[in-house]
Amino acid sequence: MGTLLITFNLLGGLAVFLFGMKITSDGLQKTAGQKRRQLQSLATANQGVAHEF
């Protein structure tokens, strides 16, 4: 019974960890996506700089 409880605790902890990583990743992608679009529009507004990208 003890081994089963440890296994469930490990799997539950791993599930919560992975869920937290997914939520954090989604939030970072949304934030980085907005910043990237701002940078890209600024960079492509000047054709000399646009060739750098």
C-alpha atoms as a PDB file:
ATOM      1  CA  MET A   1       0.000   0.000   0.000  1.00  0.00           C
ATOM      2  CA  GLY A   2       2.873   2.370   0.737  1.00  0.00           C
ATOM      3  CA  THR A   3       4.439   1.933  -2.683  1.00  0.00           C
ATOM      4  CA  LEU A   4       1.113   2.650  -4.393  1.00  0.00           C
ATOM      5  CA  LEU A   5       0.657   5.846  -2.375  1.00  0.00           C
ATOM      6  CA  ILE A   6       4.183   7.026  -3.208  1.00  0.00           C
ATOM      7  CA  THR A   7       3.579   6.305  -6.891  1.00  0.00           C
ATOM      8  CA  PHE A   8       0.318   8.286  -6.903  1.00  0.00           C
ATOM      9  CA  ASN A   9       1.989  11.159  -5.065  1.00  0.00           C
ATOM     10  CA  LEU A  10       4.843  11.243  -7.581  1.00  0.00           C
ATOM     11  CA  LEU A  11       2.479  11.124 -10.555  1.00  0.00           C
ATOM     12  CA  GLY A  12       0.233  13.788  -9.044  1.00  0.00           C
ATOM     13  CA  GLY A  13       3.188  16.043  -8.323  1.00  0.00           C
ATOM     14  CA  LEU A  14       4.502  15.560 -11.844  1.00  0.00           C
ATOM     15  CA  ALA A  15       1.079  16.394 -13.297  1.00  0.00           C
ATOM     16  CA  VAL A  16       0.841  19.618 -11.278  1.00  0.00           C
ATOM     17  CA  PHE A  17       4.396  20.558 -12.269  1.00  0.00           C
ATOM     18  CA  LEU A  18       3.746  19.971 -15.977  1.00  0.00           C
ATOM     19  CA  PHE A  19       0.480  21.897 -15.801  1.00  0.00           C
ATOM     20  CA  GLY A  20       2.297  24.837 -14.204  1.00  0.00           C
ATOM     21  CA  MET A  21       4.981  24.715 -16.876  1.00  0.00           C
ATOM     22  CA  LYS A  22       2.304  24.774 -19.597  1.00  0.00           C
ATOM     23  CA  ILE A  23       0.546  27.782 -18.051  1.00  0.00           C
ATOM     24  CA  THR A  24       3.855  29.625 -17.631  1.00  0.00           C
ATOM     25  CA  SER A  25       4.902  28.810 -21.192  1.00  0.00           C
ATOM     26  CA  ASP A  26       1.609  30.085 -22.609  1.00  0.00           C
ATOM     27  CA  GLY A  27       1.902  33.331 -20.672  1.00  0.00           C
ATOM     28  CA  LEU A  28       5.482  33.898 -21.791  1.00  0.00           C
ATOM     29  CA  GLN A  29       4.580  33.216 -25.416  1.00  0.00           C
ATOM     30  CA  LYS A  30       1.739  35.748 -25.291  1.00  0.00           C
ATOM     31  CA  THR A  31       4.003  38.384 -23.758  1.00  0.00           C
ATOM     32  CA  ALA A  32       6.902  37.659 -26.094  1.00  0.00           C
ATOM     33  CA  GLY A  33       4.542  37.581 -29.064  1.00  0.00           C
ATOM     34  CA  GLN A  34       3.345  41.131 -28.417  1.00  0.00           C
ATOM     35  CA  LYS A  35       6.882  42.426 -27.937  1.00  0.00           C
ATOM     36  CA  ARG A  36       8.067  40.601 -31.057  1.00  0.00           C
ATOM     37  CA  ARG A  37       5.281  42.110 -33.169  1.00  0.00           C
ATOM     38  CA  GLN A  38       6.131  45.589 -31.899  1.00  0.00           C
ATOM     39  CA  LEU A  39       9.819  45.089 -32.660  1.00  0.00           C
ATOM     40  CA  GLN A  40       9.082  43.596 -36.057  1.00  0.00           C
ATOM     41  CA  SER A  41       6.789  46.444 -37.107  1.00  0.00           C
ATOM     42  CA  LEU A  42       9.356  48.986 -35.938  1.00  0.00           C
ATOM     43  CA  ALA A  43      12.187  47.189 -37.733  1.00  0.00           C
ATOM     44  CA  THR A  44      10.303  46.754 -41.004  1.00  0.00           C
ATOM     45  CA  ALA A  45       9.144  50.377 -41.048  1.00  0.00           C
ATOM     46  CA  ASN A  46      12.746  51.323 -41.865  1.00  0.00           C
ATOM     47  CA  GLN A  47      13.839  49.380 -44.950  1.00  0.00           C
ATOM     48  CA  GLY A  48      17.531  49.686 -44.098  1.00  0.00           C
ATOM     49  CA  VAL A  49      16.930  47.941 -40.787  1.00  0.00           C
ATOM     50  CA  ALA A  50      14.508  45.452 -42.352  1.00  0.00           C
ATOM     51  CA  HIS A  51      17.367  43.839 -44.267  1.00  0.00           C
ATOM     52  CA  GLU A  52      19.065  43.027 -40.957  1.00  0.00           C
ATOM     53  CA  PHE A  53      16.223  40.665 -40.068  1.00  0.00           C
END
